[in-house]
PDB file of N, CA and C in Angstrom:
ATOM      1  N   MET A   1      30.217  62.477 229.765  1.00  0.00           N
ATOM      2  CA  MET A   1      29.773  63.056 231.024  1.00  0.00           C
ATOM      3  C   MET A   1      30.752  62.606 232.120  1.00  0.00           C
ATOM      4  N   ASN A   2      31.076  63.518 233.015  1.00  0.00           N
ATOM      5  CA  ASN A   2      32.042  63.158 234.052  1.00  0.00           C
ATOM      6  C   ASN A   2      31.346  62.620 235.310  1.00  0.00           C
ATOM      7  N   ALA A   3      32.117  62.042 236.201  1.00  0.00           N
ATOM      8  CA  ALA A   3      31.571  61.395 237.395  1.00  0.00           C
ATOM      9  C   ALA A   3      30.815  62.368 238.294  1.00  0.00           C
ATOM     10  N   ALA A   4      31.294  63.599 238.414  1.00  0.00           N
ATOM     11  CA  ALA A   4      30.609  64.580 239.267  1.00  0.00           C
ATOM     12  C   ALA A   4      29.207  64.854 238.740  1.00  0.00           C
ATOM     13  N   ALA A   5      29.069  65.024 237.444  1.00  0.00           N
ATOM     14  CA  ALA A   5      27.753  65.270 236.847  1.00  0.00           C
ATOM     15  C   ALA A   5      26.855  64.053 237.034  1.00  0.00           C
ATOM     16  N   LEU A   6      27.415  62.858 236.896  1.00  0.00           N
ATOM     17  CA  LEU A   6      26.629  61.643 237.109  1.00  0.00           C
ATOM     18  C   LEU A   6      26.155  61.527 238.552  1.00  0.00           C
ATOM     19  N   ALA A   7      26.915  62.107 239.487  1.00  0.00           N
ATOM     20  CA  ALA A   7      26.539  62.098 240.898  1.00  0.00           C
ATOM     21  C   ALA A   7      25.575  63.227 241.252  1.00  0.00           C
ATOM     22  N   GLY A   8      25.221  64.036 240.269  1.00  0.00           N
ATOM     23  CA  GLY A   8      24.280  65.128 240.517  1.00  0.00           C
ATOM     24  C   GLY A   8      24.925  66.439 240.917  1.00  0.00           C
ATOM     25  N   LEU A   9      26.244  66.537 240.809  1.00  0.00           N
ATOM     26  CA  LEU A   9      26.952  67.768 241.164  1.00  0.00           C
ATOM     27  C   LEU A   9      27.079  68.671 239.937  1.00  0.00           C
ATOM     28  N   THR A  10      27.081  69.949 240.174  1.00  0.00           N
ATOM     29  CA  THR A  10      27.232  70.923 239.099  1.00  0.00           C
ATOM     30  C   THR A  10      28.437  71.794 239.402  1.00  0.00           C
ATOM     31  N   GLY A  11      29.320  71.920 238.426  1.00  0.00           N
ATOM     32  CA  GLY A  11      30.451  72.825 238.571  1.00  0.00           C
ATOM     33  C   GLY A  11      30.044  74.231 238.172  1.00  0.00           C
ATOM     34  N   ILE A  12      30.587  75.216 238.848  1.00  0.00           N
ATOM     35  CA  ILE A  12      30.353  76.622 238.496  1.00  0.00           C
ATOM     36  C   ILE A  12      31.710  77.264 238.280  1.00  0.00           C
ATOM     37  N   TRP A  13      31.890  77.802 237.092  1.00  0.00           N
ATOM     38  CA  TRP A  13      33.158  78.407 236.698  1.00  0.00           C
ATOM     39  C   TRP A  13      32.998  79.922 236.701  1.00  0.00           C
ATOM     40  N   LEU A  14      33.786  80.610 237.525  1.00  0.00           N
ATOM     41  CA  LEU A  14      33.829  82.065 237.521  1.00  0.00           C
ATOM     42  C   LEU A  14      34.806  82.470 236.428  1.00  0.00           C
ATOM     43  N   ASP A  15      34.275  82.870 235.300  1.00  0.00           N
ATOM     44  CA  ASP A  15      35.067  83.179 234.115  1.00  0.00           C
ATOM     45  C   ASP A  15      35.212  84.689 233.984  1.00  0.00           C
ATOM     46  N   ARG A  16      36.407  85.176 234.152  1.00  0.00           N
ATOM     47  CA  ARG A  16      36.675  86.611 234.056  1.00  0.00           C
ATOM     48  C   ARG A  16      36.933  87.068 232.619  1.00  0.00           C
ATOM     49  N   GLY A  17      36.821  86.131 231.653  1.00  0.00           N
ATOM     50  CA  GLY A  17      36.934  86.512 230.252  1.00  0.00           C
ATOM     51  C   GLY A  17      38.337  86.470 229.677  1.00  0.00           C
ATOM     52  N   ILE A  18      39.305  86.070 230.493  1.00  0.00           N
ATOM     53  CA  ILE A  18      40.684  85.976 229.985  1.00  0.00           C
ATOM     54  C   ILE A  18      41.304  84.703 230.552  1.00  0.00           C
ATOM     55  N   TYR A  19      42.029  84.009 229.709  1.00  0.00           N
ATOM     56  CA  TYR A  19      42.741  82.802 230.131  1.00  0.00           C
ATOM     57  C   TYR A  19      44.105  83.261 230.600  1.00  0.00           C
ATOM     58  N   PHE A  20      44.359  83.207 231.898  1.00  0.00           N
ATOM     59  CA  PHE A  20      45.552  83.809 232.476  1.00  0.00           C
ATOM     60  C   PHE A  20      46.842  83.098 232.084  1.00  0.00           C
ATOM     61  N   VAL A  21      46.743  81.865 231.610  1.00  0.00           N
ATOM     62  CA  VAL A  21      47.949  81.150 231.186  1.00  0.00           C
ATOM     63  C   VAL A  21      48.488  81.733 229.888  1.00  0.00           C
ATOM     64  N   THR A  22      47.591  81.997 228.922  1.00  0.00           N
ATOM     65  CA  THR A  22      48.029  82.487 227.611  1.00  0.00           C
ATOM     66  C   THR A  22      47.736  83.968 227.396  1.00  0.00           C
ATOM     67  N   GLY A  23      46.836  84.536 228.184  1.00  0.00           N
ATOM     68  CA  GLY A  23      46.423  85.926 227.983  1.00  0.00           C
ATOM     69  C   GLY A  23      45.333  86.067 226.940  1.00  0.00           C
ATOM     70  N   GLY A  24      44.948  84.966 226.320  1.00  0.00           N
ATOM     71  CA  GLY A  24      43.898  84.988 225.310  1.00  0.00           C
ATOM     72  C   GLY A  24      42.517  84.832 225.927  1.00  0.00           C
ATOM     73  N   PRO A  25      41.507  84.650 225.086  1.00  0.00           N
ATOM     74  CA  PRO A  25      40.150  84.467 225.597  1.00  0.00           C
ATOM     75  C   PRO A  25      40.015  83.157 226.373  1.00  0.00           C
ATOM     76  N   SER A  26      39.033  83.099 227.224  1.00  0.00           N
ATOM     77  CA  SER A  26      38.784  81.911 228.026  1.00  0.00           C
ATOM     78  C   SER A  26      38.446  80.724 227.136  1.00  0.00           C
ATOM     79  N   PRO A  27      38.866  79.530 227.546  1.00  0.00           N
ATOM     80  CA  PRO A  27      38.475  78.339 226.797  1.00  0.00           C
ATOM     81  C   PRO A  27      36.979  78.061 226.974  1.00  0.00           C
ATOM     82  N   THR A  28      36.424  77.274 226.092  1.00  0.00           N
ATOM     83  CA  THR A  28      35.014  76.910 226.181  1.00  0.00           C
ATOM     84  C   THR A  28      34.836  75.910 227.324  1.00  0.00           C
ATOM     85  N   PRO A  29      33.899  76.180 228.241  1.00  0.00           N
ATOM     86  CA  PRO A  29      33.713  75.259 229.362  1.00  0.00           C
ATOM     87  C   PRO A  29      33.028  73.976 228.922  1.00  0.00           C
ATOM     88  N   ASP A  30      33.220  72.940 229.699  1.00  0.00           N
ATOM     89  CA  ASP A  30      32.511  71.685 229.510  1.00  0.00           C
ATOM     90  C   ASP A  30      31.013  71.962 229.667  1.00  0.00           C
ATOM     91  N   LYS A  31      30.169  71.227 228.969  1.00  0.00           N
ATOM     92  CA  LYS A  31      28.728  71.472 229.034  1.00  0.00           C
ATOM     93  C   LYS A  31      28.130  71.160 230.392  1.00  0.00           C
ATOM     94  N   THR A  32      28.865  70.428 231.233  1.00  0.00           N
ATOM     95  CA  THR A  32      28.356  70.123 232.569  1.00  0.00           C
ATOM     96  C   THR A  32      28.723  71.200 233.582  1.00  0.00           C
ATOM     97  N   VAL A  33      29.440  72.237 233.149  1.00  0.00           N
ATOM     98  CA  VAL A  33      29.879  73.307 234.038  1.00  0.00           C
ATOM     99  C   VAL A  33      29.143  74.593 233.699  1.00  0.00           C
ATOM    100  N   LEU A  34      28.536  75.192 234.704  1.00  0.00           N
ATOM    101  CA  LEU A  34      27.858  76.471 234.535  1.00  0.00           C
ATOM    102  C   LEU A  34      28.903  77.583 234.536  1.00  0.00           C
ATOM    103  N   ARG A  35      28.822  78.495 233.607  1.00  0.00           N
ATOM    104  CA  ARG A  35      29.774  79.608 233.500  1.00  0.00           C
ATOM    105  C   ARG A  35      29.098  80.893 233.944  1.00  0.00           C
ATOM    106  N   ILE A  36      29.710  81.585 234.903  1.00  0.00           N
ATOM    107  CA  ILE A  36      29.236  82.901 235.314  1.00  0.00           C
ATOM    108  C   ILE A  36      30.398  83.882 235.192  1.00  0.00           C
ATOM    109  N   GLU A  37      30.080  85.155 235.049  1.00  0.00           N
ATOM    110  CA  GLU A  37      31.122  86.179 234.888  1.00  0.00           C
ATOM    111  C   GLU A  37      31.312  87.042 236.119  1.00  0.00           C
ATOM    112  N   ARG A  38      30.328  87.038 237.008  1.00  0.00           N
ATOM    113  CA  ARG A  38      30.398  87.869 238.212  1.00  0.00           C
ATOM    114  C   ARG A  38      29.972  87.056 239.430  1.00  0.00           C
ATOM    115  N   LEU A  39      30.620  87.280 240.566  1.00  0.00           N
ATOM    116  CA  LEU A  39      30.221  86.587 241.793  1.00  0.00           C
ATOM    117  C   LEU A  39      28.795  86.933 242.196  1.00  0.00           C
ATOM    118  N   THR A  40      28.321  88.099 241.805  1.00  0.00           N
ATOM    119  CA  THR A  40      26.946  88.468 242.137  1.00  0.00           C
ATOM    120  C   THR A  40      25.940  87.589 241.411  1.00  0.00           C
ATOM    121  N   ASP A  41      26.364  86.861 240.368  1.00  0.00           N
ATOM    122  CA  ASP A  41      25.480  85.923 239.671  1.00  0.00           C
ATOM    123  C   ASP A  41      25.350  84.599 240.415  1.00  0.00           C
ATOM    124  N   LEU A  42      26.267  84.317 241.331  1.00  0.00           N
ATOM    125  CA  LEU A  42      26.315  83.027 242.001  1.00  0.00           C
ATOM    126  C   LEU A  42      25.058  82.694 242.807  1.00  0.00           C
ATOM    127  N   PRO A  43      24.523  83.577 243.646  1.00  0.00           N
ATOM    128  CA  PRO A  43      23.358  83.205 244.457  1.00  0.00           C
ATOM    129  C   PRO A  43      22.161  82.716 243.628  1.00  0.00           C
ATOM    130  N   ASP A  44      22.023  83.196 242.421  1.00  0.00           N
ATOM    131  CA  ASP A  44      20.903  82.762 241.576  1.00  0.00           C
ATOM    132  C   ASP A  44      21.034  81.303 241.152  1.00  0.00           C
ATOM    133  N   HIS A  45      22.203  80.715 241.303  1.00  0.00           N
ATOM    134  CA  HIS A  45      22.449  79.345 240.853  1.00  0.00           C
ATOM    135  C   HIS A  45      22.647  78.367 242.003  1.00  0.00           C
ATOM    136  N   LEU A  46      22.493  78.836 243.238  1.00  0.00           N
ATOM    137  CA  LEU A  46      22.642  77.969 244.405  1.00  0.00           C
ATOM    138  C   LEU A  46      21.278  77.528 244.906  1.00  0.00           C
ATOM    139  N   PRO A  47      21.184  76.297 245.408  1.00  0.00           N
ATOM    140  CA  PRO A  47      19.887  75.833 245.943  1.00  0.00           C
ATOM    141  C   PRO A  47      19.528  76.603 247.203  1.00  0.00           C
ATOM    142  N   ARG A  48      18.263  76.802 247.384  1.00  0.00           N
ATOM    143  CA  ARG A  48      17.776  77.486 248.587  1.00  0.00           C
ATOM    144  C   ARG A  48      17.589  76.459 249.692  1.00  0.00           C
ATOM    145  N   THR A  49      17.982  76.810 250.915  1.00  0.00           N
ATOM    146  CA  THR A  49      17.772  75.922 252.063  1.00  0.00           C
ATOM    147  C   THR A  49      17.079  76.708 253.173  1.00  0.00           C
ATOM    148  N   ASN A  50      16.439  75.995 254.036  1.00  0.00           N
ATOM    149  CA  ASN A  50      15.780  76.615 255.200  1.00  0.00           C
ATOM    150  C   ASN A  50      16.610  76.336 256.436  1.00  0.00           C
ATOM    151  N   ALA A  51      17.818  76.827 256.459  1.00  0.00           N
ATOM    152  CA  ALA A  51      18.729  76.563 257.590  1.00  0.00           C
ATOM    153  C   ALA A  51      18.473  77.527 258.721  1.00  0.00           C
TER     154      ALA A  51
END
């Protein structure tokens, strides 16, 4: 487990399905990182605030 996860932070990876370095499929994300394919999926994973 990495330090960010231990601190309660969650990474979100916008995965477009292609690894741009090699042109092949995306690598498997770390289990502490949430993977989404579309920016429209992002609001469902953000905490709600009463700002």
